[in-house]
Structure formats: structure tokens, C-alpha cells
């Protein structure tokens, strides 16, 4: 007698093999997609962390605009809304230059920097702070200013709400992050 396999045994073995290899392939593809999403999230977080740290350092070191040249005619203010409204903040930086952070219409965080304390020098000095493959939602992202003037007896601070996502990628490698941070001015806001 020969040792032979029946057709049912062969088909059963093939079915079990296909089931196991299909499960392993599915697990592998799932782990690859999870890794892509994690890498996209990490890249997004790294870039936004850098941008927020840059803006935080400048906002913490802001100086009072004594005569209102930078802050839209508001003397003795520390911060004011930028020309973009709640989607930006304007201040005098620690080099005594008028500076502005704002959300541009193209979905990127940008800055303007004047050569003087006057806001007149801000025109045409736009620099984008976020990469082109990220988009900042201009409808849900904003800058809120508290304690900017002398009358409220509050330490000046800016709260930044950002809703950022990667753009133009496949859905499995898209990342989105919502960040809120509050930055208070480093110097005590003394009456002048």
C-alpha cells in the first residue's frame, strides 16, 4: 500500500495554510499602516513643538509698547490682536522690533518682523514657520490675549489654540493634533 493523500485532505491543508498566511499578512499590513500613522504624528508633533517653542520664547520676552507705534495705537499695551484679528498677535520683541505671529490664508503659521518699533515696517516681511505639508485650521485655531493693558491688573498672557493636520497624504498616514498653550510675559507688568 502506498501512502497517499486524498483530495479532501489536500484541500483542507491548503485552506488552513491560506487562512494562516492571510491572517499573518493582515497583521503585517495593519502594523505597517499603524507605523505610518505613528511616524506622521511624530513628524507633525516635532515640527509644531519647534514652532510653538519659537513663538513662546518671543512672546515671553515681549516688551511694553510705550507709545503704541507697533500695537495699533494702543500705548502701554504688551500685546494686541494682529491685523488678522483673533488669528494673530502683535508685540514688541526683546530686540525692540515690532513682530507679529498670525495664521495665513494658506493654512500656515507665519510671522512678520519690522526693523523698528513701528508696525509700518511689517509689510512684505512674511516668513512661514510651519512646513507646506501641514495645514492649520483657520476656523478653529486662534490667539487669545489677556491682561494686555495696564487697567486690568493681570499679568499679560497669550493663549494659543492650534488645530493642525498633515495634508495630501493617504488616510492611513494622516495625522491631526490639537494643541493649546498659554504663554505669560516674563517681566512683571508694572504700572508706567
Foldseek 3Di string as FASTA:
>chain_A
DDDDDDPVVVVVVVVVVCVVVVVVVVVVVVVVLVVLQVVLQVVVVVLVVVLVVVVLVFLQQFDAQQQCQQAPRDHRFAWHADVVGFQKIWTQGNVRWIKMWGQDPLQFIWMFTAPHNHNVRRPPRIDTSGDNQKGWDPVFWGKDWPPGHDVPQDFTKIKTWTWMKGPDDDPSNIYIDIDIDMHTHNDGSDDD
